[in-house]
PDB file of N, CA and C in Angstrom:
ATOM      1  N   MET A   1      13.400   2.208  -1.667  1.00  0.00           N
ATOM      2  CA  MET A   1      12.489   2.423  -0.558  1.00  0.00           C
ATOM      3  C   MET A   1      12.959   1.532   0.593  1.00  0.00           C
ATOM      4  N   ARG A   2      13.099   2.085   1.744  1.00  0.00           N
ATOM      5  CA  ARG A   2      13.606   1.324   2.883  1.00  0.00           C
ATOM      6  C   ARG A   2      12.623   0.237   3.303  1.00  0.00           C
ATOM      7  N   GLU A   3      13.186  -0.842   3.825  1.00  0.00           N
ATOM      8  CA  GLU A   3      12.372  -2.010   4.171  1.00  0.00           C
ATOM      9  C   GLU A   3      11.342  -1.710   5.255  1.00  0.00           C
ATOM     10  N   GLY A   4      11.726  -0.943   6.269  1.00  0.00           N
ATOM     11  CA  GLY A   4      10.782  -0.616   7.330  1.00  0.00           C
ATOM     12  C   GLY A   4       9.605   0.201   6.824  1.00  0.00           C
ATOM     13  N   PHE A   5       9.903   1.150   5.941  1.00  0.00           N
ATOM     14  CA  PHE A   5       8.841   1.975   5.372  1.00  0.00           C
ATOM     15  C   PHE A   5       7.949   1.141   4.463  1.00  0.00           C
ATOM     16  N   ARG A   6       8.553   0.231   3.697  1.00  0.00           N
ATOM     17  CA  ARG A   6       7.763  -0.655   2.840  1.00  0.00           C
ATOM     18  C   ARG A   6       6.831  -1.523   3.669  1.00  0.00           C
ATOM     19  N   ALA A   7       7.330  -2.044   4.785  1.00  0.00           N
ATOM     20  CA  ALA A   7       6.505  -2.888   5.647  1.00  0.00           C
ATOM     21  C   ALA A   7       5.355  -2.092   6.254  1.00  0.00           C
ATOM     22  N   LEU A   8       5.643  -0.876   6.678  1.00  0.00           N
ATOM     23  CA  LEU A   8       4.599  -0.018   7.237  1.00  0.00           C
ATOM     24  C   LEU A   8       3.545   0.307   6.183  1.00  0.00           C
ATOM     25  N   LEU A   9       3.991   0.625   4.979  1.00  0.00           N
ATOM     26  CA  LEU A   9       3.077   0.946   3.888  1.00  0.00           C
ATOM     27  C   LEU A   9       2.193  -0.251   3.553  1.00  0.00           C
ATOM     28  N   ALA A  10       2.783  -1.432   3.519  1.00  0.00           N
ATOM     29  CA  ALA A  10       2.010  -2.638   3.229  1.00  0.00           C
ATOM     30  C   ALA A  10       1.005  -2.933   4.338  1.00  0.00           C
ATOM     31  N   SER A  11       1.399  -2.733   5.584  1.00  0.00           N
ATOM     32  CA  SER A  11       0.497  -2.988   6.708  1.00  0.00           C
ATOM     33  C   SER A  11      -0.692  -2.037   6.696  1.00  0.00           C
ATOM     34  N   VAL A  12      -0.403  -0.754   6.535  1.00  0.00           N
ATOM     35  CA  VAL A  12      -1.480   0.241   6.492  1.00  0.00           C
ATOM     36  C   VAL A  12      -2.380  -0.017   5.286  1.00  0.00           C
ATOM     37  N   GLY A  13      -1.772  -0.329   4.151  1.00  0.00           N
ATOM     38  CA  GLY A  13      -2.560  -0.618   2.957  1.00  0.00           C
ATOM     39  C   GLY A  13      -3.460  -1.823   3.139  1.00  0.00           C
ATOM     40  N   GLY A  14      -2.927  -2.877   3.743  1.00  0.00           N
ATOM     41  CA  GLY A  14      -3.727  -4.074   3.983  1.00  0.00           C
ATOM     42  C   GLY A  14      -4.870  -3.829   4.946  1.00  0.00           C
ATOM     43  N   ILE A  15      -4.603  -3.054   5.976  1.00  0.00           N
ATOM     44  CA  ILE A  15      -5.654  -2.730   6.949  1.00  0.00           C
ATOM     45  C   ILE A  15      -6.755  -1.908   6.289  1.00  0.00           C
ATOM     46  N   LEU A  16      -6.369  -0.902   5.511  1.00  0.00           N
ATOM     47  CA  LEU A  16      -7.373  -0.074   4.836  1.00  0.00           C
ATOM     48  C   LEU A  16      -8.170  -0.885   3.817  1.00  0.00           C
ATOM     49  N   LEU A  17      -7.488  -1.759   3.090  1.00  0.00           N
ATOM     50  CA  LEU A  17      -8.170  -2.600   2.106  1.00  0.00           C
ATOM     51  C   LEU A  17      -9.195  -3.499   2.791  1.00  0.00           C
ATOM     52  N   THR A  18      -8.786  -4.157   3.862  1.00  0.00           N
ATOM     53  CA  THR A  18      -9.692  -5.035   4.602  1.00  0.00           C
ATOM     54  C   THR A  18     -10.857  -4.253   5.202  1.00  0.00           C
ATOM     55  N   LEU A  19     -10.558  -3.113   5.798  1.00  0.00           N
ATOM     56  CA  LEU A  19     -11.593  -2.283   6.400  1.00  0.00           C
ATOM     57  C   LEU A  19     -12.605  -1.828   5.349  1.00  0.00           C
ATOM     58  N   GLY A  20     -12.113  -1.397   4.195  1.00  0.00           N
ATOM     59  CA  GLY A  20     -13.017  -0.952   3.135  1.00  0.00           C
ATOM     60  C   GLY A  20     -13.910  -2.058   2.622  1.00  0.00           C
ATOM     61  N   ILE A  21     -13.344  -3.262   2.456  1.00  0.00           N
ATOM     62  CA  ILE A  21     -14.147  -4.390   1.964  1.00  0.00           C
ATOM     63  C   ILE A  21     -15.208  -4.780   2.988  1.00  0.00           C
ATOM     64  N   ILE A  22     -14.813  -4.865   4.254  1.00  0.00           N
ATOM     65  CA  ILE A  22     -15.775  -5.243   5.301  1.00  0.00           C
ATOM     66  C   ILE A  22     -16.881  -4.199   5.419  1.00  0.00           C
ATOM     67  N   ARG A  23     -16.499  -2.921   5.385  1.00  0.00           N
ATOM     68  CA  ARG A  23     -17.504  -1.865   5.514  1.00  0.00           C
ATOM     69  C   ARG A  23     -18.429  -1.815   4.304  1.00  0.00           C
ATOM     70  N   SER A  24     -17.923  -2.158   3.119  1.00  0.00           N
ATOM     71  CA  SER A  24     -18.802  -2.152   1.948  1.00  0.00           C
ATOM     72  C   SER A  24     -19.790  -3.314   2.001  1.00  0.00           C
ATOM     73  N   ILE A  25     -19.353  -4.457   2.540  1.00  0.00           N
ATOM     74  CA  ILE A  25     -20.248  -5.609   2.650  1.00  0.00           C
ATOM     75  C   ILE A  25     -21.318  -5.364   3.711  1.00  0.00           C
ATOM     76  N   THR A  26     -20.905  -4.835   4.858  1.00  0.00           N
ATOM     77  CA  THR A  26     -21.867  -4.625   5.945  1.00  0.00           C
ATOM     78  C   THR A  26     -22.734  -3.394   5.730  1.00  0.00           C
ATOM     79  N   GLY A  27     -22.300  -2.488   4.879  1.00  0.00           N
ATOM     80  CA  GLY A  27     -23.070  -1.282   4.626  1.00  0.00           C
ATOM     81  C   GLY A  27     -22.975  -0.260   5.740  1.00  0.00           C
ATOM     82  N   ALA A  28     -21.944  -0.376   6.578  1.00  0.00           N
ATOM     83  CA  ALA A  28     -21.792   0.541   7.704  1.00  0.00           C
ATOM     84  C   ALA A  28     -21.515   1.965   7.229  1.00  0.00           C
ATOM     85  N   TRP A  29     -20.773   2.102   6.148  1.00  0.00           N
ATOM     86  CA  TRP A  29     -20.539   3.406   5.540  1.00  0.00           C
ATOM     87  C   TRP A  29     -21.232   3.395   4.188  1.00  0.00           C
ATOM     88  N   GLY A  30     -21.259   4.530   3.531  1.00  0.00           N
ATOM     89  CA  GLY A  30     -21.768   4.536   2.169  1.00  0.00           C
ATOM     90  C   GLY A  30     -20.870   3.684   1.286  1.00  0.00           C
ATOM     91  N   LEU A  31     -21.437   3.100   0.269  1.00  0.00           N
ATOM     92  CA  LEU A  31     -20.675   2.203  -0.602  1.00  0.00           C
ATOM     93  C   LEU A  31     -19.506   2.926  -1.262  1.00  0.00           C
ATOM     94  N   GLY A  32     -19.724   4.158  -1.692  1.00  0.00           N
ATOM     95  CA  GLY A  32     -18.652   4.914  -2.342  1.00  0.00           C
ATOM     96  C   GLY A  32     -17.480   5.170  -1.411  1.00  0.00           C
ATOM     97  N   THR A  33     -17.772   5.531  -0.168  1.00  0.00           N
ATOM     98  CA  THR A  33     -16.707   5.789   0.808  1.00  0.00           C
ATOM     99  C   THR A  33     -15.931   4.516   1.110  1.00  0.00           C
ATOM    100  N   ALA A  34     -16.637   3.418   1.311  1.00  0.00           N
ATOM    101  CA  ALA A  34     -15.974   2.155   1.625  1.00  0.00           C
ATOM    102  C   ALA A  34     -15.103   1.686   0.463  1.00  0.00           C
ATOM    103  N   LEU A  35     -15.593   1.827  -0.750  1.00  0.00           N
ATOM    104  CA  LEU A  35     -14.798   1.409  -1.907  1.00  0.00           C
ATOM    105  C   LEU A  35     -13.603   2.327  -2.127  1.00  0.00           C
ATOM    106  N   LEU A  36     -13.757   3.601  -1.819  1.00  0.00           N
ATOM    107  CA  LEU A  36     -12.627   4.524  -1.922  1.00  0.00           C
ATOM    108  C   LEU A  36     -11.542   4.161  -0.908  1.00  0.00           C
ATOM    109  N   ILE A  37     -11.940   3.826   0.315  1.00  0.00           N
ATOM    110  CA  ILE A  37     -10.980   3.392   1.338  1.00  0.00           C
ATOM    111  C   ILE A  37     -10.267   2.118   0.871  1.00  0.00           C
ATOM    112  N   ALA A  38     -11.020   1.176   0.308  1.00  0.00           N
ATOM    113  CA  ALA A  38     -10.419  -0.063  -0.188  1.00  0.00           C
ATOM    114  C   ALA A  38      -9.466   0.215  -1.346  1.00  0.00           C
ATOM    115  N   LEU A  39      -9.812   1.148  -2.215  1.00  0.00           N
ATOM    116  CA  LEU A  39      -8.953   1.494  -3.346  1.00  0.00           C
ATOM    117  C   LEU A  39      -7.646   2.116  -2.870  1.00  0.00           C
ATOM    118  N   VAL A  40      -7.729   3.017  -1.907  1.00  0.00           N
ATOM    119  CA  VAL A  40      -6.517   3.637  -1.356  1.00  0.00           C
ATOM    120  C   VAL A  40      -5.645   2.576  -0.683  1.00  0.00           C
ATOM    121  N   GLY A  41      -6.256   1.702   0.094  1.00  0.00           N
ATOM    122  CA  GLY A  41      -5.501   0.641   0.759  1.00  0.00           C
ATOM    123  C   GLY A  41      -4.837  -0.298  -0.224  1.00  0.00           C
ATOM    124  N   GLY A  42      -5.558  -0.687  -1.259  1.00  0.00           N
ATOM    125  CA  GLY A  42      -4.977  -1.556  -2.280  1.00  0.00           C
ATOM    126  C   GLY A  42      -3.843  -0.887  -3.029  1.00  0.00           C
ATOM    127  N   THR A  43      -3.979   0.409  -3.278  1.00  0.00           N
ATOM    128  CA  THR A  43      -2.916   1.155  -3.956  1.00  0.00           C
ATOM    129  C   THR A  43      -1.663   1.223  -3.096  1.00  0.00           C
ATOM    130  N   LEU A  44      -1.811   1.493  -1.808  1.00  0.00           N
ATOM    131  CA  LEU A  44      -0.656   1.534  -0.906  1.00  0.00           C
ATOM    132  C   LEU A  44       0.040   0.177  -0.835  1.00  0.00           C
ATOM    133  N   ALA A  45      -0.749  -0.879  -0.732  1.00  0.00           N
ATOM    134  CA  ALA A  45      -0.159  -2.213  -0.675  1.00  0.00           C
ATOM    135  C   ALA A  45       0.558  -2.555  -1.977  1.00  0.00           C
ATOM    136  N   ALA A  46      -0.023  -2.170  -3.106  1.00  0.00           N
ATOM    137  CA  ALA A  46       0.608  -2.446  -4.398  1.00  0.00           C
ATOM    138  C   ALA A  46       1.901  -1.661  -4.568  1.00  0.00           C
ATOM    139  N   ILE A  47       1.906  -0.410  -4.136  1.00  0.00           N
ATOM    140  CA  ILE A  47       3.126   0.403  -4.229  1.00  0.00           C
ATOM    141  C   ILE A  47       4.236  -0.234  -3.410  1.00  0.00           C
ATOM    142  N   SER A  48       3.911  -0.675  -2.203  1.00  0.00           N
ATOM    143  CA  SER A  48       4.946  -1.273  -1.355  1.00  0.00           C
ATOM    144  C   SER A  48       5.443  -2.591  -1.931  1.00  0.00           C
ATOM    145  N   PHE A  49       4.574  -3.321  -2.633  1.00  0.00           N
ATOM    146  CA  PHE A  49       4.988  -4.599  -3.210  1.00  0.00           C
ATOM    147  C   PHE A  49       5.845  -4.413  -4.456  1.00  0.00           C
ATOM    148  N   PHE A  50       5.452  -3.495  -5.331  1.00  0.00           N
ATOM    149  CA  PHE A  50       6.134  -3.342  -6.612  1.00  0.00           C
ATOM    150  C   PHE A  50       7.303  -2.365  -6.592  1.00  0.00           C
ATOM    151  N   ALA A  51       7.519  -1.650  -5.496  1.00  0.00           N
ATOM    152  CA  ALA A  51       8.596  -0.653  -5.435  1.00  0.00           C
ATOM    153  C   ALA A  51       9.976  -1.219  -5.750  1.00  0.00           C
ATOM    154  N   PRO A  52      10.361  -2.394  -5.254  1.00  0.00           N
ATOM    155  CA  PRO A  52      11.714  -2.888  -5.563  1.00  0.00           C
ATOM    156  C   PRO A  52      11.934  -3.164  -7.047  1.00  0.00           C
ATOM    157  N   PHE A  53      10.875  -3.479  -7.773  1.00  0.00           N
ATOM    158  CA  PHE A  53      11.022  -3.786  -9.191  1.00  0.00           C
ATOM    159  C   PHE A  53      11.295  -2.539 -10.028  1.00  0.00           C
ATOM    160  N   PHE A  54      10.964  -1.361  -9.480  1.00  0.00           N
ATOM    161  CA  PHE A  54      11.131  -0.126 -10.230  1.00  0.00           C
ATOM    162  C   PHE A  54      12.234   0.765  -9.684  1.00  0.00           C
ATOM    163  N   SER A  55      12.995   0.282  -8.698  1.00  0.00           N
ATOM    164  CA  SER A  55      14.023   1.137  -8.097  1.00  0.00           C
ATOM    165  C   SER A  55      15.238   1.287  -9.006  1.00  0.00           C
ATOM    166  N   HIS A  56      15.625   0.251  -9.753  1.00  0.00           N
ATOM    167  CA  HIS A  56      16.748   0.297 -10.704  1.00  0.00           C
ATOM    168  C   HIS A  56      18.036   0.795 -10.071  1.00  0.00           C
ATOM    169  N   GLY A  57      18.269   0.460  -8.810  1.00  0.00           N
ATOM    170  CA  GLY A  57      19.533   0.792  -8.166  1.00  0.00           C
ATOM    171  C   GLY A  57      19.738   2.258  -7.865  1.00  0.00           C
ATOM    172  N   ARG A  58      18.665   2.991  -7.682  1.00  0.00           N
ATOM    173  CA  ARG A  58      18.810   4.412  -7.352  1.00  0.00           C
ATOM    174  C   ARG A  58      19.079   4.595  -5.871  1.00  0.00           C
ATOM    175  N   GLY A  59      19.478   5.774  -5.505  1.00  0.00           N
ATOM    176  CA  GLY A  59      19.625   6.141  -4.099  1.00  0.00           C
ATOM    177  C   GLY A  59      20.815   5.502  -3.434  1.00  0.00           C
ATOM    178  N   ARG A  60      20.559   4.864  -2.300  1.00  0.00           N
ATOM    179  CA  ARG A  60      21.634   4.339  -1.472  1.00  0.00           C
ATOM    180  C   ARG A  60      22.430   3.244  -2.189  1.00  0.00           C
ATOM    181  N   ASP A  61      21.766   2.389  -2.965  1.00  0.00           N
ATOM    182  CA  ASP A  61      22.475   1.327  -3.679  1.00  0.00           C
ATOM    183  C   ASP A  61      23.504   1.890  -4.641  1.00  0.00           C
ATOM    184  N   LYS A  62      23.139   2.932  -5.349  1.00  0.00           N
ATOM    185  CA  LYS A  62      24.055   3.535  -6.313  1.00  0.00           C
ATOM    186  C   LYS A  62      25.223   4.218  -5.598  1.00  0.00           C
ATOM    187  N   ALA A  63      24.953   4.821  -4.448  1.00  0.00           N
ATOM    188  CA  ALA A  63      26.013   5.485  -3.693  1.00  0.00           C
ATOM    189  C   ALA A  63      27.026   4.474  -3.163  1.00  0.00           C
ATOM    190  N   GLU A  64      26.553   3.255  -2.891  1.00  0.00           N
ATOM    191  CA  GLU A  64      27.446   2.213  -2.394  1.00  0.00           C
ATOM    192  C   GLU A  64      28.137   1.466  -3.527  1.00  0.00           C
ATOM    193  N   GLY A  65      27.856   1.848  -4.753  1.00  0.00           N
ATOM    194  CA  GLY A  65      28.486   1.207  -5.901  1.00  0.00           C
ATOM    195  C   GLY A  65      27.716   0.022  -6.447  1.00  0.00           C
ATOM    196  N   GLY A  66      26.421  -0.087  -6.081  1.00  0.00           N
ATOM    197  CA  GLY A  66      25.638  -1.238  -6.528  1.00  0.00           C
ATOM    198  C   GLY A  66      24.838  -0.991  -7.753  1.00  0.00           C
TER     199      GLY A  66
END
């Protein structure tokens, strides 16, 4: 996964996670909607964090002989 895309994914995930937590505490949205937004954001952030551990040299690295 390219570094720029990983950074974007982590940023969007962090924003959604924070937004969902704040909205669930303040009650601005329904609790289910806010927690769903937080879950999606946390999942995006986790994917961007753990992606390098599961790449196993696929894609561009393998083409370059790595």
